[in-house]
PDB file of N, CA and C in Angstrom:
ATOM      1  N   MET A   1       4.664  74.707  69.254  1.00  0.00           N
ATOM      2  CA  MET A   1       4.826  75.741  70.256  1.00  0.00           C
ATOM      3  C   MET A   1       4.275  75.214  71.577  1.00  0.00           C
ATOM      4  N   MET A   2       5.019  75.410  72.650  1.00  0.00           N
ATOM      5  CA  MET A   2       4.589  74.945  73.968  1.00  0.00           C
ATOM      6  C   MET A   2       4.201  76.142  74.823  1.00  0.00           C
ATOM      7  N   LEU A   3       3.072  76.040  75.491  1.00  0.00           N
ATOM      8  CA  LEU A   3       2.604  77.110  76.365  1.00  0.00           C
ATOM      9  C   LEU A   3       2.692  76.688  77.816  1.00  0.00           C
ATOM     10  N   ARG A   4       2.956  77.650  78.654  1.00  0.00           N
ATOM     11  CA  ARG A   4       2.908  77.432  80.099  1.00  0.00           C
ATOM     12  C   ARG A   4       1.706  78.204  80.623  1.00  0.00           C
ATOM     13  N   PRO A   5       0.560  77.541  80.746  1.00  0.00           N
ATOM     14  CA  PRO A   5      -0.672  78.254  81.062  1.00  0.00           C
ATOM     15  C   PRO A   5      -0.705  78.898  82.442  1.00  0.00           C
ATOM     16  N   ASN A   6       0.077  78.437  83.397  1.00  0.00           N
ATOM     17  CA  ASN A   6       0.014  78.982  84.756  1.00  0.00           C
ATOM     18  C   ASN A   6       1.103  80.011  85.037  1.00  0.00           C
ATOM     19  N   ARG A   7       1.823  80.430  84.037  1.00  0.00           N
ATOM     20  CA  ARG A   7       2.901  81.398  84.232  1.00  0.00           C
ATOM     21  C   ARG A   7       2.313  82.798  84.465  1.00  0.00           C
ATOM     22  N   GLN A   8       2.790  83.479  85.492  1.00  0.00           N
ATOM     23  CA  GLN A   8       2.302  84.826  85.788  1.00  0.00           C
ATOM     24  C   GLN A   8       2.796  85.805  84.734  1.00  0.00           C
ATOM     25  N   PHE A   9       2.014  86.841  84.505  1.00  0.00           N
ATOM     26  CA  PHE A   9       2.431  87.903  83.611  1.00  0.00           C
ATOM     27  C   PHE A   9       2.215  89.237  84.314  1.00  0.00           C
ATOM     28  N   THR A  10       2.808  90.284  83.788  1.00  0.00           N
ATOM     29  CA  THR A  10       2.672  91.617  84.361  1.00  0.00           C
ATOM     30  C   THR A  10       2.083  92.543  83.310  1.00  0.00           C
ATOM     31  N   PRO A  11       0.856  93.009  83.508  1.00  0.00           N
ATOM     32  CA  PRO A  11       0.255  93.923  82.544  1.00  0.00           C
ATOM     33  C   PRO A  11       0.959  95.283  82.569  1.00  0.00           C
ATOM     34  N   PRO A  12       0.912  96.030  81.468  1.00  0.00           N
ATOM     35  CA  PRO A  12       1.524  97.365  81.444  1.00  0.00           C
ATOM     36  C   PRO A  12       0.925  98.252  82.527  1.00  0.00           C
ATOM     37  N   THR A  13       1.781  98.937  83.270  1.00  0.00           N
ATOM     38  CA  THR A  13       1.351  99.741  84.414  1.00  0.00           C
ATOM     39  C   THR A  13       2.054 101.087  84.396  1.00  0.00           C
ATOM     40  N   ASP A  14       1.303 102.157  84.579  1.00  0.00           N
ATOM     41  CA  ASP A  14       1.858 103.511  84.710  1.00  0.00           C
ATOM     42  C   ASP A  14       1.609 104.011  86.124  1.00  0.00           C
ATOM     43  N   VAL A  15       2.591 104.721  86.683  1.00  0.00           N
ATOM     44  CA  VAL A  15       2.432 105.385  87.973  1.00  0.00           C
ATOM     45  C   VAL A  15       2.689 106.863  87.722  1.00  0.00           C
ATOM     46  N   ILE A  16       1.672 107.685  87.981  1.00  0.00           N
ATOM     47  CA  ILE A  16       1.738 109.111  87.684  1.00  0.00           C
ATOM     48  C   ILE A  16       1.603 109.884  88.989  1.00  0.00           C
ATOM     49  N   GLU A  17       2.578 110.732  89.281  1.00  0.00           N
ATOM     50  CA  GLU A  17       2.531 111.530  90.505  1.00  0.00           C
ATOM     51  C   GLU A  17       1.993 112.915  90.194  1.00  0.00           C
ATOM     52  N   LEU A  18       0.907 113.273  90.861  1.00  0.00           N
ATOM     53  CA  LEU A  18       0.335 114.610  90.774  1.00  0.00           C
ATOM     54  C   LEU A  18       0.632 115.330  92.086  1.00  0.00           C
ATOM     55  N   ILE A  19       0.212 116.565  92.199  1.00  0.00           N
ATOM     56  CA  ILE A  19       0.522 117.339  93.404  1.00  0.00           C
ATOM     57  C   ILE A  19      -0.027 116.682  94.661  1.00  0.00           C
ATOM     58  N   ASP A  20      -1.269 116.212  94.592  1.00  0.00           N
ATOM     59  CA  ASP A  20      -1.939 115.720  95.800  1.00  0.00           C
ATOM     60  C   ASP A  20      -2.213 114.219  95.805  1.00  0.00           C
ATOM     61  N   LYS A  21      -1.812 113.505  94.736  1.00  0.00           N
ATOM     62  CA  LYS A  21      -2.112 112.071  94.686  1.00  0.00           C
ATOM     63  C   LYS A  21      -1.246 111.358  93.665  1.00  0.00           C
ATOM     64  N   LEU A  22      -1.265 110.033  93.777  1.00  0.00           N
ATOM     65  CA  LEU A  22      -0.667 109.163  92.770  1.00  0.00           C
ATOM     66  C   LEU A  22      -1.796 108.510  91.994  1.00  0.00           C
ATOM     67  N   LEU A  23      -1.613 108.350  90.695  1.00  0.00           N
ATOM     68  CA  LEU A  23      -2.528 107.584  89.871  1.00  0.00           C
ATOM     69  C   LEU A  23      -1.770 106.358  89.384  1.00  0.00           C
ATOM     70  N   VAL A  24      -2.342 105.199  89.595  1.00  0.00           N
ATOM     71  CA  VAL A  24      -1.783 103.956  89.082  1.00  0.00           C
ATOM     72  C   VAL A  24      -2.765 103.456  88.030  1.00  0.00           C
ATOM     73  N   MET A  25      -2.279 103.297  86.802  1.00  0.00           N
ATOM     74  CA  MET A  25      -3.128 102.842  85.703  1.00  0.00           C
ATOM     75  C   MET A  25      -2.580 101.529  85.167  1.00  0.00           C
ATOM     76  N   VAL A  26      -3.444 100.515  85.123  1.00  0.00           N
ATOM     77  CA  VAL A  26      -3.075  99.195  84.637  1.00  0.00           C
ATOM     78  C   VAL A  26      -3.919  98.900  83.402  1.00  0.00           C
ATOM     79  N   GLU A  27      -3.247  98.587  82.300  1.00  0.00           N
ATOM     80  CA  GLU A  27      -3.959  98.239  81.074  1.00  0.00           C
ATOM     81  C   GLU A  27      -4.215  96.739  81.080  1.00  0.00           C
ATOM     82  N   ILE A  28      -5.476  96.357  81.289  1.00  0.00           N
ATOM     83  CA  ILE A  28      -5.805  94.937  81.377  1.00  0.00           C
ATOM     84  C   ILE A  28      -7.262  94.718  80.971  1.00  0.00           C
ATOM     85  N   ALA A  29      -7.470  94.596  79.681  1.00  0.00           N
ATOM     86  CA  ALA A  29      -8.812  94.410  79.135  1.00  0.00           C
ATOM     87  C   ALA A  29      -9.320  93.002  79.424  1.00  0.00           C
ATOM     88  N   GLY A  30     -10.633  92.843  79.311  1.00  0.00           N
ATOM     89  CA  GLY A  30     -11.236  91.526  79.424  1.00  0.00           C
ATOM     90  C   GLY A  30     -11.508  91.058  80.828  1.00  0.00           C
ATOM     91  N   MET A  31     -11.609  91.989  81.775  1.00  0.00           N
ATOM     92  CA  MET A  31     -11.881  91.610  83.163  1.00  0.00           C
ATOM     93  C   MET A  31     -13.113  92.351  83.654  1.00  0.00           C
ATOM     94  N   ARG A  32     -13.520  92.063  84.871  1.00  0.00           N
ATOM     95  CA  ARG A  32     -14.617  92.769  85.531  1.00  0.00           C
ATOM     96  C   ARG A  32     -14.065  93.436  86.786  1.00  0.00           C
ATOM     97  N   SER A  33     -14.801  94.388  87.298  1.00  0.00           N
ATOM     98  CA  SER A  33     -14.348  95.144  88.479  1.00  0.00           C
ATOM     99  C   SER A  33     -13.999  94.252  89.654  1.00  0.00           C
ATOM    100  N   GLY A  34     -14.756  93.182  89.870  1.00  0.00           N
ATOM    101  CA  GLY A  34     -14.532  92.311  91.018  1.00  0.00           C
ATOM    102  C   GLY A  34     -13.407  91.308  90.840  1.00  0.00           C
ATOM    103  N   ASP A  35     -12.728  91.330  89.693  1.00  0.00           N
ATOM    104  CA  ASP A  35     -11.662  90.362  89.417  1.00  0.00           C
ATOM    105  C   ASP A  35     -10.307  90.764  89.981  1.00  0.00           C
ATOM    106  N   PHE A  36     -10.212  91.925  90.600  1.00  0.00           N
ATOM    107  CA  PHE A  36      -8.936  92.439  91.085  1.00  0.00           C
ATOM    108  C   PHE A  36      -8.858  92.364  92.602  1.00  0.00           C
ATOM    109  N   ASN A  37      -7.673  92.111  93.111  1.00  0.00           N
ATOM    110  CA  ASN A  37      -7.387  92.228  94.545  1.00  0.00           C
ATOM    111  C   ASN A  37      -6.364  93.342  94.678  1.00  0.00           C
ATOM    112  N   ILE A  38      -6.698  94.360  95.448  1.00  0.00           N
ATOM    113  CA  ILE A  38      -5.817  95.512  95.629  1.00  0.00           C
ATOM    114  C   ILE A  38      -5.520  95.628  97.111  1.00  0.00           C
ATOM    115  N   VAL A  39      -4.238  95.570  97.458  1.00  0.00           N
ATOM    116  CA  VAL A  39      -3.820  95.628  98.860  1.00  0.00           C
ATOM    117  C   VAL A  39      -2.817  96.768  99.024  1.00  0.00           C
ATOM    118  N   LEU A  40      -3.090  97.654  99.970  1.00  0.00           N
ATOM    119  CA  LEU A  40      -2.172  98.729 100.321  1.00  0.00           C
ATOM    120  C   LEU A  40      -1.679  98.468 101.732  1.00  0.00           C
ATOM    121  N   GLN A  41      -0.382  98.230 101.848  1.00  0.00           N
ATOM    122  CA  GLN A  41       0.210  97.974 103.159  1.00  0.00           C
ATOM    123  C   GLN A  41       1.414  98.891 103.304  1.00  0.00           C
ATOM    124  N   ASN A  42       1.301  99.837 104.226  1.00  0.00           N
ATOM    125  CA  ASN A  42       2.300 100.882 104.401  1.00  0.00           C
ATOM    126  C   ASN A  42       2.472 101.612 103.072  1.00  0.00           C
ATOM    127  N   ARG A  43       3.657 101.567 102.487  1.00  0.00           N
ATOM    128  CA  ARG A  43       3.904 102.244 101.206  1.00  0.00           C
ATOM    129  C   ARG A  43       4.046 101.244 100.066  1.00  0.00           C
ATOM    130  N   ARG A  44       3.438 100.077 100.201  1.00  0.00           N
ATOM    131  CA  ARG A  44       3.512  99.040  99.160  1.00  0.00           C
ATOM    132  C   ARG A  44       2.105  98.722  98.650  1.00  0.00           C
ATOM    133  N   LEU A  45       1.948  98.826  97.326  1.00  0.00           N
ATOM    134  CA  LEU A  45       0.684  98.531  96.675  1.00  0.00           C
ATOM    135  C   LEU A  45       0.849  97.241  95.880  1.00  0.00           C
ATOM    136  N   THR A  46      -0.055  96.291  96.104  1.00  0.00           N
ATOM    137  CA  THR A  46      -0.022  95.017  95.382  1.00  0.00           C
ATOM    138  C   THR A  46      -1.370  94.824  94.698  1.00  0.00           C
ATOM    139  N   ILE A  47      -1.311  94.522  93.401  1.00  0.00           N
ATOM    140  CA  ILE A  47      -2.503  94.279  92.599  1.00  0.00           C
ATOM    141  C   ILE A  47      -2.376  92.878  92.021  1.00  0.00           C
ATOM    142  N   THR A  48      -3.376  92.031  92.270  1.00  0.00           N
ATOM    143  CA  THR A  48      -3.348  90.673  91.747  1.00  0.00           C
ATOM    144  C   THR A  48      -4.696  90.344  91.124  1.00  0.00           C
ATOM    145  N   GLY A  49      -4.700  89.298  90.325  1.00  0.00           N
ATOM    146  CA  GLY A  49      -5.935  88.835  89.711  1.00  0.00           C
ATOM    147  C   GLY A  49      -5.644  87.727  88.723  1.00  0.00           C
ATOM    148  N   THR A  50      -6.681  87.280  88.044  1.00  0.00           N
ATOM    149  CA  THR A  50      -6.552  86.242  87.020  1.00  0.00           C
ATOM    150  C   THR A  50      -7.414  86.640  85.835  1.00  0.00           C
ATOM    151  N   ARG A  51      -6.788  86.711  84.671  1.00  0.00           N
ATOM    152  CA  ARG A  51      -7.540  86.975  83.443  1.00  0.00           C
ATOM    153  C   ARG A  51      -7.690  85.661  82.694  1.00  0.00           C
ATOM    154  N   GLN A  52      -8.940  85.270  82.457  1.00  0.00           N
ATOM    155  CA  GLN A  52      -9.226  84.002  81.794  1.00  0.00           C
ATOM    156  C   GLN A  52      -9.084  84.147  80.280  1.00  0.00           C
ATOM    157  N   ARG A  53      -8.529  83.111  79.649  1.00  0.00           N
ATOM    158  CA  ARG A  53      -8.413  83.093  78.192  1.00  0.00           C
ATOM    159  C   ARG A  53      -9.778  82.711  77.613  1.00  0.00           C
ATOM    160  N   PRO A  54     -10.308  83.538  76.720  1.00  0.00           N
ATOM    161  CA  PRO A  54     -11.592  83.186  76.116  1.00  0.00           C
ATOM    162  C   PRO A  54     -11.411  82.098  75.058  1.00  0.00           C
ATOM    163  N   GLY A  55     -12.474  81.329  74.839  1.00  0.00           N
ATOM    164  CA  GLY A  55     -12.438  80.347  73.768  1.00  0.00           C
ATOM    165  C   GLY A  55     -11.996  78.972  74.208  1.00  0.00           C
ATOM    166  N   ALA A  56     -11.666  78.160  73.227  1.00  0.00           N
ATOM    167  CA  ALA A  56     -11.332  76.746  73.451  1.00  0.00           C
ATOM    168  C   ALA A  56     -10.010  76.589  74.179  1.00  0.00           C
ATOM    169  N   GLU A  57      -9.980  75.643  75.118  1.00  0.00           N
ATOM    170  CA  GLU A  57      -8.762  75.343  75.865  1.00  0.00           C
ATOM    171  C   GLU A  57      -7.783  74.515  75.035  1.00  0.00           C
ATOM    172  N   VAL A  58      -8.305  73.660  74.150  1.00  0.00           N
ATOM    173  CA  VAL A  58      -7.441  72.820  73.328  1.00  0.00           C
ATOM    174  C   VAL A  58      -7.317  73.489  71.974  1.00  0.00           C
ATOM    175  N   ALA A  59      -6.161  74.091  71.739  1.00  0.00           N
ATOM    176  CA  ALA A  59      -5.943  74.808  70.491  1.00  0.00           C
ATOM    177  C   ALA A  59      -4.458  74.883  70.207  1.00  0.00           C
ATOM    178  N   ALA A  60      -4.109  75.112  68.966  1.00  0.00           N
ATOM    179  CA  ALA A  60      -2.713  75.323  68.575  1.00  0.00           C
ATOM    180  C   ALA A  60      -2.502  76.825  68.418  1.00  0.00           C
ATOM    181  N   PHE A  61      -1.647  77.393  69.256  1.00  0.00           N
ATOM    182  CA  PHE A  61      -1.379  78.824  69.218  1.00  0.00           C
ATOM    183  C   PHE A  61      -0.175  79.063  68.304  1.00  0.00           C
ATOM    184  N   HIS A  62      -0.323  79.954  67.343  1.00  0.00           N
ATOM    185  CA  HIS A  62       0.763  80.260  66.419  1.00  0.00           C
ATOM    186  C   HIS A  62       1.497  81.532  66.821  1.00  0.00           C
ATOM    187  N   GLN A  63       0.844  82.381  67.548  1.00  0.00           N
ATOM    188  CA  GLN A  63       1.479  83.587  68.068  1.00  0.00           C
ATOM    189  C   GLN A  63       0.811  83.917  69.393  1.00  0.00           C
ATOM    190  N   VAL A  64       1.593  84.179  70.432  1.00  0.00           N
ATOM    191  CA  VAL A  64       1.033  84.470  71.751  1.00  0.00           C
ATOM    192  C   VAL A  64       1.716  85.712  72.302  1.00  0.00           C
ATOM    193  N   GLU A  65       0.965  86.806  72.385  1.00  0.00           N
ATOM    194  CA  GLU A  65       1.497  88.046  72.941  1.00  0.00           C
ATOM    195  C   GLU A  65       0.637  88.569  74.083  1.00  0.00           C
ATOM    196  N   ILE A  66      -0.610  88.162  74.132  1.00  0.00           N
ATOM    197  CA  ILE A  66      -1.529  88.645  75.156  1.00  0.00           C
ATOM    198  C   ILE A  66      -1.432  87.715  76.362  1.00  0.00           C
ATOM    199  N   GLY A  67      -1.173  88.312  77.520  1.00  0.00           N
ATOM    200  CA  GLY A  67      -1.034  87.522  78.734  1.00  0.00           C
ATOM    201  C   GLY A  67      -2.370  87.144  79.338  1.00  0.00           C
ATOM    202  N   PHE A  68      -2.500  85.879  79.688  1.00  0.00           N
ATOM    203  CA  PHE A  68      -3.675  85.386  80.390  1.00  0.00           C
ATOM    204  C   PHE A  68      -3.207  84.596  81.593  1.00  0.00           C
ATOM    205  N   GLY A  69      -4.115  84.377  82.518  1.00  0.00           N
ATOM    206  CA  GLY A  69      -3.785  83.648  83.730  1.00  0.00           C
ATOM    207  C   GLY A  69      -3.583  84.613  84.882  1.00  0.00           C
ATOM    208  N   GLU A  70      -2.774  84.202  85.842  1.00  0.00           N
ATOM    209  CA  GLU A  70      -2.537  85.020  87.037  1.00  0.00           C
ATOM    210  C   GLU A  70      -1.561  86.151  86.727  1.00  0.00           C
ATOM    211  N   PHE A  71      -1.800  87.293  87.374  1.00  0.00           N
ATOM    212  CA  PHE A  71      -0.859  88.411  87.276  1.00  0.00           C
ATOM    213  C   PHE A  71      -0.669  89.028  88.648  1.00  0.00           C
ATOM    214  N   ARG A  72       0.451  89.708  88.793  1.00  0.00           N
ATOM    215  CA  ARG A  72       0.785  90.366  90.057  1.00  0.00           C
ATOM    216  C   ARG A  72       1.615  91.600  89.743  1.00  0.00           C
ATOM    217  N   ILE A  73       1.239  92.706  90.383  1.00  0.00           N
ATOM    218  CA  ILE A  73       1.976  93.964  90.247  1.00  0.00           C
ATOM    219  C   ILE A  73       2.322  94.416  91.661  1.00  0.00           C
ATOM    220  N   ASP A  74       3.593  94.637  91.932  1.00  0.00           N
ATOM    221  CA  ASP A  74       4.054  95.147  93.229  1.00  0.00           C
ATOM    222  C   ASP A  74       4.692  96.506  92.995  1.00  0.00           C
ATOM    223  N   LEU A  75       4.209  97.512  93.705  1.00  0.00           N
ATOM    224  CA  LEU A  75       4.740  98.866  93.566  1.00  0.00           C
ATOM    225  C   LEU A  75       5.116  99.425  94.929  1.00  0.00           C
ATOM    226  N   ASN A  76       6.279 100.049  94.994  1.00  0.00           N
ATOM    227  CA  ASN A  76       6.673 100.791  96.187  1.00  0.00           C
ATOM    228  C   ASN A  76       6.318 102.257  95.950  1.00  0.00           C
ATOM    229  N   LEU A  77       5.468 102.802  96.793  1.00  0.00           N
ATOM    230  CA  LEU A  77       5.011 104.179  96.634  1.00  0.00           C
ATOM    231  C   LEU A  77       6.063 105.144  97.160  1.00  0.00           C
ATOM    232  N   PRO A  78       6.188 106.322  96.531  1.00  0.00           N
ATOM    233  CA  PRO A  78       7.203 107.287  96.982  1.00  0.00           C
ATOM    234  C   PRO A  78       6.857 107.953  98.307  1.00  0.00           C
ATOM    235  N   TRP A  79       5.582 107.918  98.695  1.00  0.00           N
ATOM    236  CA  TRP A  79       5.153 108.494  99.962  1.00  0.00           C
ATOM    237  C   TRP A  79       3.897 107.774 100.437  1.00  0.00           C
ATOM    238  N   ALA A  80       3.540 107.997 101.690  1.00  0.00           N
ATOM    239  CA  ALA A  80       2.384 107.321 102.282  1.00  0.00           C
ATOM    240  C   ALA A  80       1.087 107.865 101.702  1.00  0.00           C
ATOM    241  N   ALA A  81       0.154 106.955 101.442  1.00  0.00           N
ATOM    242  CA  ALA A  81      -1.158 107.333 100.912  1.00  0.00           C
ATOM    243  C   ALA A  81      -2.181 107.362 102.041  1.00  0.00           C
ATOM    244  N   ASP A  82      -3.213 108.174 101.847  1.00  0.00           N
ATOM    245  CA  ASP A  82      -4.318 108.257 102.799  1.00  0.00           C
ATOM    246  C   ASP A  82      -5.221 107.040 102.572  1.00  0.00           C
ATOM    247  N   ARG A  83      -5.081 106.030 103.396  1.00  0.00           N
ATOM    248  CA  ARG A  83      -5.782 104.751 103.213  1.00  0.00           C
ATOM    249  C   ARG A  83      -7.297 104.918 103.119  1.00  0.00           C
ATOM    250  N   GLU A  84      -7.848 105.868 103.847  1.00  0.00           N
ATOM    251  CA  GLU A  84      -9.305 106.063 103.874  1.00  0.00           C
ATOM    252  C   GLU A  84      -9.829 106.681 102.583  1.00  0.00           C
ATOM    253  N   ALA A  85      -8.976 107.313 101.794  1.00  0.00           N
ATOM    254  CA  ALA A  85      -9.422 108.025 100.592  1.00  0.00           C
ATOM    255  C   ALA A  85      -9.022 107.324  99.285  1.00  0.00           C
ATOM    256  N   VAL A  86      -8.419 106.150  99.370  1.00  0.00           N
ATOM    257  CA  VAL A  86      -8.010 105.418  98.170  1.00  0.00           C
ATOM    258  C   VAL A  86      -9.258 104.946  97.422  1.00  0.00           C
ATOM    259  N   SER A  87      -9.223 105.073  96.084  1.00  0.00           N
ATOM    260  CA  SER A  87     -10.356 104.602  95.278  1.00  0.00           C
ATOM    261  C   SER A  87      -9.834 103.902  94.030  1.00  0.00           C
ATOM    262  N   ALA A  88     -10.656 103.022  93.471  1.00  0.00           N
ATOM    263  CA  ALA A  88     -10.275 102.291  92.262  1.00  0.00           C
ATOM    264  C   ALA A  88     -11.477 102.178  91.341  1.00  0.00           C
ATOM    265  N   THR A  89     -11.220 102.302  90.029  1.00  0.00           N
ATOM    266  CA  THR A  89     -12.261 102.130  89.020  1.00  0.00           C
ATOM    267  C   THR A  89     -11.707 101.271  87.889  1.00  0.00           C
ATOM    268  N   TYR A  90     -12.588 100.561  87.241  1.00  0.00           N
ATOM    269  CA  TYR A  90     -12.202  99.753  86.081  1.00  0.00           C
ATOM    270  C   TYR A  90     -13.135 100.134  84.939  1.00  0.00           C
ATOM    271  N   GLU A  91     -12.550 100.694  83.886  1.00  0.00           N
ATOM    272  CA  GLU A  91     -13.345 101.200  82.788  1.00  0.00           C
ATOM    273  C   GLU A  91     -12.562 101.098  81.488  1.00  0.00           C
ATOM    274  N   HIS A  92     -13.205 100.597  80.450  1.00  0.00           N
ATOM    275  CA  HIS A  92     -12.623 100.515  79.104  1.00  0.00           C
ATOM    276  C   HIS A  92     -11.276  99.795  79.089  1.00  0.00           C
ATOM    277  N   GLY A  93     -11.129  98.779  79.921  1.00  0.00           N
ATOM    278  CA  GLY A  93      -9.908  97.981  79.930  1.00  0.00           C
ATOM    279  C   GLY A  93      -8.779  98.551  80.772  1.00  0.00           C
ATOM    280  N   PHE A  94      -9.042  99.608  81.533  1.00  0.00           N
ATOM    281  CA  PHE A  94      -8.028 100.218  82.389  1.00  0.00           C
ATOM    282  C   PHE A  94      -8.488 100.187  83.844  1.00  0.00           C
ATOM    283  N   LEU A  95      -7.635  99.668  84.709  1.00  0.00           N
ATOM    284  CA  LEU A  95      -7.833  99.759  86.149  1.00  0.00           C
ATOM    285  C   LEU A  95      -7.099 101.014  86.603  1.00  0.00           C
ATOM    286  N   THR A  96      -7.813 101.928  87.227  1.00  0.00           N
ATOM    287  CA  THR A  96      -7.202 103.170  87.711  1.00  0.00           C
ATOM    288  C   THR A  96      -7.381 103.244  89.212  1.00  0.00           C
ATOM    289  N   ILE A  97      -6.265 103.398  89.916  1.00  0.00           N
ATOM    290  CA  ILE A  97      -6.284 103.502  91.375  1.00  0.00           C
ATOM    291  C   ILE A  97      -5.786 104.894  91.744  1.00  0.00           C
ATOM    292  N   GLU A  98      -6.575 105.613  92.527  1.00  0.00           N
ATOM    293  CA  GLU A  98      -6.182 106.937  93.013  1.00  0.00           C
ATOM    294  C   GLU A  98      -5.742 106.809  94.466  1.00  0.00           C
ATOM    295  N   LEU A  99      -4.538 107.277  94.736  1.00  0.00           N
ATOM    296  CA  LEU A  99      -3.962 107.190  96.075  1.00  0.00           C
ATOM    297  C   LEU A  99      -3.626 108.603  96.556  1.00  0.00           C
ATOM    298  N   PRO A 100      -4.591 109.267  97.238  1.00  0.00           N
ATOM    299  CA  PRO A 100      -4.315 110.614  97.735  1.00  0.00           C
ATOM    300  C   PRO A 100      -3.168 110.612  98.750  1.00  0.00           C
ATOM    301  N   ARG A 101      -2.402 111.674  98.707  1.00  0.00           N
ATOM    302  CA  ARG A 101      -1.279 111.825  99.638  1.00  0.00           C
ATOM    303  C   ARG A 101      -1.807 111.922 101.062  1.00  0.00           C
ATOM    304  N   LYS A 102      -1.175 111.197 101.958  1.00  0.00           N
ATOM    305  CA  LYS A 102      -1.555 111.248 103.376  1.00  0.00           C
ATOM    306  C   LYS A 102      -1.187 112.624 103.921  1.00  0.00           C
ATOM    307  N   PRO A 103      -2.117 113.260 104.625  1.00  0.00           N
ATOM    308  CA  PRO A 103      -1.794 114.574 105.192  1.00  0.00           C
ATOM    309  C   PRO A 103      -0.618 114.466 106.161  1.00  0.00           C
ATOM    310  N   ILE A 104       0.191 115.470 106.135  1.00  0.00           N
ATOM    311  CA  ILE A 104       1.333 115.506 107.048  1.00  0.00           C
ATOM    312  C   ILE A 104       0.799 115.739 108.459  1.00  0.00           C
ATOM    313  N   GLU A 105       1.229 114.882 109.363  1.00  0.00           N
ATOM    314  CA  GLU A 105       0.767 115.021 110.743  1.00  0.00           C
ATOM    315  C   GLU A 105       1.393 116.256 111.366  1.00  0.00           C
ATOM    316  N   LYS A 106       0.536 117.045 111.988  1.00  0.00           N
ATOM    317  CA  LYS A 106       1.024 118.258 112.635  1.00  0.00           C
ATOM    318  C   LYS A 106       1.654 117.898 113.970  1.00  0.00           C
ATOM    319  N   VAL A 107       2.723 118.565 114.259  1.00  0.00           N
ATOM    320  CA  VAL A 107       3.420 118.342 115.514  1.00  0.00           C
ATOM    321  C   VAL A 107       2.755 119.199 116.586  1.00  0.00           C
ATOM    322  N   ARG A 108       2.447 118.582 117.696  1.00  0.00           N
ATOM    323  CA  ARG A 108       1.848 119.317 118.805  1.00  0.00           C
ATOM    324  C   ARG A 108       2.947 119.680 119.788  1.00  0.00           C
ATOM    325  N   VAL A 109       3.053 120.960 120.066  1.00  0.00           N
ATOM    326  CA  VAL A 109       4.058 121.449 121.008  1.00  0.00           C
ATOM    327  C   VAL A 109       3.356 121.750 122.331  1.00  0.00           C
ATOM    328  N   VAL A 110       3.865 121.177 123.377  1.00  0.00           N
ATOM    329  CA  VAL A 110       3.291 121.389 124.709  1.00  0.00           C
ATOM    330  C   VAL A 110       4.167 122.402 125.425  1.00  0.00           C
ATOM    331  N   ASP A 111       3.541 123.463 125.904  1.00  0.00           N
ATOM    332  CA  ASP A 111       4.253 124.514 126.618  1.00  0.00           C
ATOM    333  C   ASP A 111       4.163 124.215 128.115  1.00  0.00           C
ATOM    334  N   LEU A 112       5.249 123.698 128.679  1.00  0.00           N
ATOM    335  CA  LEU A 112       5.255 123.317 130.088  1.00  0.00           C
ATOM    336  C   LEU A 112       5.148 124.517 131.011  1.00  0.00           C
ATOM    337  N   GLU A 113       5.753 125.639 130.620  1.00  0.00           N
ATOM    338  CA  GLU A 113       5.691 126.823 131.471  1.00  0.00           C
ATOM    339  C   GLU A 113       4.249 127.303 131.619  1.00  0.00           C
ATOM    340  N   ALA A 114       3.480 127.304 130.558  1.00  0.00           N
ATOM    341  CA  ALA A 114       2.094 127.739 130.625  1.00  0.00           C
ATOM    342  C   ALA A 114       1.278 126.810 131.521  1.00  0.00           C
ATOM    343  N   GLN A 115       1.553 125.497 131.440  1.00  0.00           N
ATOM    344  CA  GLN A 115       0.838 124.555 132.281  1.00  0.00           C
ATOM    345  C   GLN A 115       1.196 124.764 133.756  1.00  0.00           C
ATOM    346  N   GLU A 116       2.476 125.058 134.047  1.00  0.00           N
ATOM    347  CA  GLU A 116       2.891 125.291 135.429  1.00  0.00           C
ATOM    348  C   GLU A 116       2.245 126.546 135.991  1.00  0.00           C
ATOM    349  N   GLN A 117       2.145 127.596 135.146  1.00  0.00           N
ATOM    350  CA  GLN A 117       1.519 128.839 135.598  1.00  0.00           C
ATOM    351  C   GLN A 117       0.042 128.620 135.895  1.00  0.00           C
ATOM    352  N   GLU A 118      -0.634 127.855 135.042  1.00  0.00           N
ATOM    353  CA  GLU A 118      -2.053 127.571 135.259  1.00  0.00           C
ATOM    354  C   GLU A 118      -2.264 126.822 136.568  1.00  0.00           C
ATOM    355  N   SER A 119      -1.395 125.853 136.875  1.00  0.00           N
ATOM    356  CA  SER A 119      -1.571 125.051 138.083  1.00  0.00           C
ATOM    357  C   SER A 119      -1.247 125.863 139.346  1.00  0.00           C
ATOM    358  N   THR A 120      -0.329 126.846 139.272  1.00  0.00           N
ATOM    359  CA  THR A 120      -0.019 127.641 140.447  1.00  0.00           C
ATOM    360  C   THR A 120      -1.099 128.702 140.699  1.00  0.00           C
ATOM    361  N   LEU A 121      -1.810 129.121 139.661  1.00  0.00           N
ATOM    362  CA  LEU A 121      -2.883 130.102 139.823  1.00  0.00           C
ATOM    363  C   LEU A 121      -4.148 129.492 140.420  1.00  0.00           C
ATOM    364  N   SER A 122      -4.338 128.199 140.284  1.00  0.00           N
ATOM    365  CA  SER A 122      -5.559 127.584 140.783  1.00  0.00           C
ATOM    366  C   SER A 122      -5.489 127.240 142.228  1.00  0.00           C
TER     367      SER A 122
END
């Protein structure tokens, strides 16, 4: 059996939409909190990292189903997230990213007639 040790893999990922936020859950055991790179750019979320294979490097593998090495997850979000409120936790082999919905910007209406009346009264 031949292995390609530097081949990227994609861990199982769920994207769950709630009323006020998106939850992104990545199943990836055997890592630490600081092993992930999470980038939010506009409506695109990218998660990258490297999971190291434990044990001896020189071995004969008879069955290989668990992905090790570099991984990358690219997600297009259905709506803009509030960048200041994004949070991530890693617990029990699951990376969970909470992406609160960005508040809808209120439209400001300027009443020109009121401004003209104010300036003529002064």
